[in-house]
Amino acid sequence: QIEGSATIYIDGGKYVQLQSPDPRYGESLYYVDPQGVRYGIPDGQTAAALGLSSSKPAPWEIIRLLVDGPVLSKDAALLEHDTLPADPSPRKLPASPGAS
């Protein structure tokens, strides 16, 4: 729950380190893209491999409101997906003109 008022501006493409008293989030690392999606970064070594340095502090109370993207890690990048997920909103294709 967020109480009080706070204003924070994080333009996209920022590497941030969370500030949170909650030990579950502590000093977690995230990349916030220009569209407002936050991507978890497991450690500083991974951040360096991604070309990220000099993280900026950001409050978890604000960062948690952004869309959660996948974790940016070597293990995640090496996952192979052999199928696409089912369409959650299937619809009938329109009939082509002149079809009987």
N, C-alpha and C. Protein backbone atom coordinates (compact mmCIF):
# COMPACT_ATOMS: atom_id res chain seq x y z
N GLN A 1 0.84 -1.17 0.00
CA GLN A 1 0.00 0.00 0.00
C GLN A 1 0.89 1.23 0.00
N ILE A 2 0.56 2.17 -0.85
CA ILE A 2 1.31 3.42 -0.92
C ILE A 2 0.50 4.50 -0.23
N GLU A 3 1.12 5.14 0.74
CA GLU A 3 0.46 6.23 1.45
C GLU A 3 1.22 7.51 1.21
N GLY A 4 0.53 8.63 1.27
CA GLY A 4 1.18 9.91 1.07
C GLY A 4 1.30 10.22 -0.41
N SER A 5 2.16 11.19 -0.70
CA SER A 5 2.34 11.55 -2.10
C SER A 5 3.82 11.52 -2.44
N ALA A 6 4.10 11.08 -3.64
CA ALA A 6 5.49 11.01 -4.11
C ALA A 6 5.47 11.22 -5.62
N THR A 7 6.48 11.85 -6.10
CA THR A 7 6.63 12.03 -7.54
C THR A 7 8.01 11.55 -7.92
N ILE A 8 8.06 10.68 -8.91
CA ILE A 8 9.34 10.21 -9.41
C ILE A 8 9.24 10.13 -10.92
N TYR A 9 10.29 10.50 -11.59
CA TYR A 9 10.32 10.43 -13.04
C TYR A 9 11.51 9.58 -13.44
N ILE A 10 11.24 8.49 -14.13
CA ILE A 10 12.30 7.63 -14.65
C ILE A 10 12.05 7.53 -16.14
N ASP A 11 12.87 8.22 -16.91
CA ASP A 11 12.71 8.08 -18.36
C ASP A 11 13.24 6.72 -18.76
N GLY A 12 12.83 6.24 -19.89
CA GLY A 12 13.17 4.89 -20.32
C GLY A 12 14.65 4.67 -20.56
N GLY A 13 15.00 3.41 -20.56
CA GLY A 13 16.38 3.04 -20.81
C GLY A 13 17.28 3.29 -19.62
N LYS A 14 16.76 3.06 -18.41
CA LYS A 14 17.54 3.31 -17.20
C LYS A 14 17.82 2.02 -16.45
N TYR A 15 19.01 1.98 -15.88
CA TYR A 15 19.46 0.88 -15.04
C TYR A 15 19.29 1.34 -13.60
N VAL A 16 18.44 0.66 -12.84
CA VAL A 16 18.14 1.11 -11.48
C VAL A 16 18.42 0.02 -10.45
N GLN A 17 18.73 0.49 -9.25
CA GLN A 17 18.90 -0.40 -8.10
C GLN A 17 17.83 0.00 -7.09
N LEU A 18 17.06 -0.98 -6.65
CA LEU A 18 15.94 -0.68 -5.77
C LEU A 18 16.39 -0.24 -4.40
N GLN A 19 15.57 0.60 -3.82
CA GLN A 19 15.70 0.98 -2.42
C GLN A 19 14.42 0.51 -1.76
N SER A 20 14.55 -0.48 -0.88
CA SER A 20 13.36 -1.01 -0.22
C SER A 20 13.75 -1.57 1.14
N PRO A 21 12.94 -1.30 2.17
CA PRO A 21 13.20 -1.91 3.46
C PRO A 21 12.82 -3.39 3.49
N ASP A 22 12.06 -3.83 2.49
CA ASP A 22 11.63 -5.23 2.41
C ASP A 22 12.79 -6.08 1.92
N PRO A 23 13.24 -7.06 2.72
CA PRO A 23 14.39 -7.88 2.32
C PRO A 23 14.16 -8.71 1.06
N ARG A 24 12.90 -8.91 0.65
CA ARG A 24 12.64 -9.66 -0.59
C ARG A 24 13.11 -8.88 -1.81
N TYR A 25 13.13 -7.57 -1.71
CA TYR A 25 13.50 -6.73 -2.85
C TYR A 25 14.83 -6.03 -2.63
N GLY A 26 15.14 -5.71 -1.38
CA GLY A 26 16.41 -5.12 -1.00
C GLY A 26 17.02 -4.20 -2.02
N GLU A 27 18.11 -4.64 -2.61
CA GLU A 27 18.83 -3.84 -3.59
C GLU A 27 18.81 -4.50 -4.96
N SER A 28 17.67 -5.04 -5.34
CA SER A 28 17.53 -5.71 -6.64
C SER A 28 17.83 -4.76 -7.78
N LEU A 29 18.27 -5.34 -8.90
CA LEU A 29 18.64 -4.57 -10.08
C LEU A 29 17.59 -4.75 -11.17
N TYR A 30 17.28 -3.66 -11.87
CA TYR A 30 16.32 -3.69 -12.97
C TYR A 30 16.78 -2.78 -14.10
N TYR A 31 16.36 -3.14 -15.31
CA TYR A 31 16.49 -2.25 -16.45
C TYR A 31 15.07 -1.82 -16.79
N VAL A 32 14.84 -0.51 -16.87
CA VAL A 32 13.52 0.03 -17.24
C VAL A 32 13.63 0.53 -18.67
N ASP A 33 12.86 -0.10 -19.58
CA ASP A 33 12.95 0.29 -21.00
C ASP A 33 12.09 1.53 -21.29
N PRO A 34 12.24 2.11 -22.48
CA PRO A 34 11.49 3.33 -22.81
C PRO A 34 9.97 3.17 -22.79
N GLN A 35 9.47 1.95 -22.90
CA GLN A 35 8.02 1.72 -22.87
C GLN A 35 7.50 1.50 -21.45
N GLY A 36 8.38 1.52 -20.45
CA GLY A 36 7.95 1.36 -19.06
C GLY A 36 7.88 -0.07 -18.59
N VAL A 37 8.62 -0.97 -19.21
CA VAL A 37 8.68 -2.36 -18.78
C VAL A 37 9.95 -2.52 -17.94
N ARG A 38 9.83 -3.21 -16.80
CA ARG A 38 11.00 -3.45 -15.96
C ARG A 38 11.49 -4.89 -16.15
N TYR A 39 12.77 -5.02 -16.37
CA TYR A 39 13.40 -6.32 -16.57
C TYR A 39 14.36 -6.58 -15.43
N GLY A 40 14.18 -7.70 -14.74
CA GLY A 40 15.07 -8.04 -13.65
C GLY A 40 16.46 -8.40 -14.16
N ILE A 41 17.47 -8.01 -13.40
CA ILE A 41 18.86 -8.35 -13.72
C ILE A 41 19.41 -9.06 -12.49
N PRO A 42 19.88 -10.31 -12.64
CA PRO A 42 20.26 -11.09 -11.47
C PRO A 42 21.46 -10.57 -10.68
N ASP A 43 22.42 -9.94 -11.36
CA ASP A 43 23.62 -9.50 -10.64
C ASP A 43 24.39 -8.46 -11.45
N GLY A 44 25.38 -7.88 -10.80
CA GLY A 44 26.19 -6.86 -11.45
C GLY A 44 26.97 -7.38 -12.64
N GLN A 45 27.39 -8.63 -12.60
CA GLN A 45 28.14 -9.22 -13.71
C GLN A 45 27.26 -9.28 -14.97
N THR A 46 26.01 -9.66 -14.80
CA THR A 46 25.08 -9.69 -15.93
C THR A 46 24.83 -8.28 -16.45
N ALA A 47 24.69 -7.33 -15.54
CA ALA A 47 24.48 -5.93 -15.95
C ALA A 47 25.67 -5.45 -16.79
N ALA A 48 26.88 -5.78 -16.36
CA ALA A 48 28.08 -5.38 -17.10
C ALA A 48 28.09 -6.02 -18.48
N ALA A 49 27.69 -7.30 -18.57
CA ALA A 49 27.64 -7.99 -19.86
C ALA A 49 26.63 -7.34 -20.80
N LEU A 50 25.59 -6.72 -20.23
CA LEU A 50 24.57 -6.03 -21.02
C LEU A 50 24.99 -4.59 -21.34
N GLY A 51 26.15 -4.19 -20.85
CA GLY A 51 26.63 -2.84 -21.11
C GLY A 51 26.05 -1.80 -20.18
N LEU A 52 25.52 -2.25 -19.04
CA LEU A 52 24.92 -1.33 -18.07
C LEU A 52 25.90 -1.04 -16.95
N SER A 53 25.98 0.21 -16.55
CA SER A 53 26.82 0.59 -15.41
C SER A 53 26.20 1.78 -14.71
N SER A 54 26.65 2.04 -13.53
CA SER A 54 26.18 3.20 -12.74
C SER A 54 24.67 3.21 -12.56
N SER A 55 24.17 2.23 -11.82
CA SER A 55 22.72 2.18 -11.56
C SER A 55 22.29 3.40 -10.75
N LYS A 56 21.05 3.78 -10.96
CA LYS A 56 20.44 4.90 -10.23
C LYS A 56 19.51 4.33 -9.17
N PRO A 57 19.46 4.92 -7.98
CA PRO A 57 18.54 4.42 -6.95
C PRO A 57 17.09 4.73 -7.33
N ALA A 58 16.21 3.78 -7.02
CA ALA A 58 14.78 3.96 -7.31
C ALA A 58 13.97 3.23 -6.25
N PRO A 59 12.86 3.81 -5.78
CA PRO A 59 12.04 3.16 -4.76
C PRO A 59 11.19 2.02 -5.34
N TRP A 60 11.18 0.88 -4.64
CA TRP A 60 10.39 -0.27 -5.06
C TRP A 60 8.91 0.10 -5.17
N GLU A 61 8.42 0.98 -4.30
CA GLU A 61 7.01 1.35 -4.31
C GLU A 61 6.59 1.92 -5.67
N ILE A 62 7.52 2.51 -6.40
CA ILE A 62 7.22 3.05 -7.73
C ILE A 62 7.53 2.02 -8.82
N ILE A 63 8.70 1.39 -8.74
CA ILE A 63 9.12 0.43 -9.77
C ILE A 63 8.15 -0.74 -9.87
N ARG A 64 7.56 -1.14 -8.76
CA ARG A 64 6.63 -2.28 -8.79
C ARG A 64 5.38 -2.00 -9.61
N LEU A 65 5.09 -0.72 -9.86
CA LEU A 65 3.91 -0.35 -10.64
C LEU A 65 4.12 -0.52 -12.14
N LEU A 66 5.36 -0.70 -12.57
CA LEU A 66 5.66 -0.88 -13.99
C LEU A 66 5.35 -2.30 -14.43
N VAL A 67 5.16 -2.50 -15.71
CA VAL A 67 4.92 -3.84 -16.26
C VAL A 67 6.16 -4.69 -16.03
N ASP A 68 5.95 -5.92 -15.56
CA ASP A 68 7.06 -6.83 -15.25
C ASP A 68 7.44 -7.63 -16.49
N GLY A 69 8.66 -7.44 -16.97
CA GLY A 69 9.18 -8.21 -18.10
C GLY A 69 9.98 -9.40 -17.60
N PRO A 70 10.54 -10.18 -18.50
CA PRO A 70 11.33 -11.35 -18.10
C PRO A 70 12.67 -10.92 -17.49
N VAL A 71 13.29 -11.85 -16.80
CA VAL A 71 14.62 -11.63 -16.25
C VAL A 71 15.62 -11.66 -17.40
N LEU A 72 16.55 -10.71 -17.40
CA LEU A 72 17.60 -10.68 -18.41
C LEU A 72 18.80 -11.44 -17.86
N SER A 73 18.91 -12.70 -18.25
CA SER A 73 20.01 -13.53 -17.77
C SER A 73 20.45 -14.48 -18.87
N LYS A 74 21.64 -15.01 -18.72
CA LYS A 74 22.15 -15.97 -19.70
C LYS A 74 21.27 -17.22 -19.72
N ASP A 75 20.87 -17.70 -18.53
CA ASP A 75 20.02 -18.89 -18.46
C ASP A 75 18.69 -18.66 -19.19
N ALA A 76 18.08 -17.49 -19.00
CA ALA A 76 16.82 -17.20 -19.68
C ALA A 76 17.02 -17.11 -21.19
N ALA A 77 18.14 -16.56 -21.61
CA ALA A 77 18.41 -16.42 -23.05
C ALA A 77 18.65 -17.77 -23.72
N LEU A 78 19.12 -18.74 -22.96
CA LEU A 78 19.43 -20.05 -23.52
C LEU A 78 18.23 -21.00 -23.53
N LEU A 79 17.08 -20.56 -23.01
CA LEU A 79 15.89 -21.41 -23.03
C LEU A 79 15.38 -21.56 -24.46
N GLU A 80 15.03 -22.76 -24.80
CA GLU A 80 14.48 -23.02 -26.13
C GLU A 80 12.99 -23.25 -26.00
N HIS A 81 12.22 -22.59 -26.84
CA HIS A 81 10.77 -22.75 -26.84
C HIS A 81 10.38 -23.45 -28.13
N ASP A 82 9.72 -24.61 -28.00
CA ASP A 82 9.38 -25.36 -29.20
C ASP A 82 7.93 -25.16 -29.65
N THR A 83 7.16 -24.41 -28.89
CA THR A 83 5.78 -24.14 -29.29
C THR A 83 5.41 -22.71 -28.90
N LEU A 84 4.38 -22.22 -29.54
CA LEU A 84 3.83 -20.92 -29.16
C LEU A 84 2.68 -21.15 -28.20
N PRO A 85 2.46 -20.23 -27.28
CA PRO A 85 1.32 -20.40 -26.38
C PRO A 85 0.00 -20.30 -27.15
N ALA A 86 -1.03 -20.93 -26.62
CA ALA A 86 -2.35 -20.87 -27.25
C ALA A 86 -2.87 -19.44 -27.25
N ASP A 87 -3.63 -19.10 -28.28
CA ASP A 87 -4.22 -17.77 -28.38
C ASP A 87 -5.29 -17.64 -27.30
N PRO A 88 -5.15 -16.69 -26.37
CA PRO A 88 -6.15 -16.57 -25.30
C PRO A 88 -7.47 -15.97 -25.80
N SER A 89 -7.48 -15.39 -26.98
CA SER A 89 -8.70 -14.79 -27.55
C SER A 89 -8.89 -15.23 -28.99
N PRO A 90 -9.17 -16.51 -29.23
CA PRO A 90 -9.33 -16.96 -30.61
C PRO A 90 -10.57 -16.34 -31.24
N ARG A 91 -10.53 -16.16 -32.54
CA ARG A 91 -11.68 -15.61 -33.25
C ARG A 91 -11.75 -16.25 -34.63
N LYS A 92 -12.94 -16.25 -35.17
CA LYS A 92 -13.17 -16.81 -36.49
C LYS A 92 -12.61 -15.86 -37.53
N LEU A 93 -11.92 -16.40 -38.52
CA LEU A 93 -11.38 -15.58 -39.60
C LEU A 93 -12.50 -15.14 -40.51
N PRO A 94 -12.46 -13.90 -40.98
CA PRO A 94 -13.51 -13.43 -41.89
C PRO A 94 -13.44 -14.18 -43.22
N ALA A 95 -14.60 -14.41 -43.81
CA ALA A 95 -14.65 -15.08 -45.11
C ALA A 95 -14.09 -14.15 -46.17
N SER A 96 -13.35 -14.73 -47.10
CA SER A 96 -12.80 -13.90 -48.18
C SER A 96 -13.91 -13.57 -49.16
N PRO A 97 -13.83 -12.41 -49.82
CA PRO A 97 -14.87 -12.02 -50.79
C PRO A 97 -14.98 -13.06 -51.91
N GLY A 98 -16.19 -13.39 -52.28
CA GLY A 98 -16.43 -14.33 -53.37
C GLY A 98 -16.37 -15.79 -52.94
N ALA A 99 -16.10 -16.06 -51.67
CA ALA A 99 -16.06 -17.45 -51.21
C ALA A 99 -17.48 -17.94 -50.98
N SER A 100 -17.70 -19.20 -51.25
CA SER A 100 -19.05 -19.73 -51.04
C SER A 100 -19.11 -20.69 -49.90
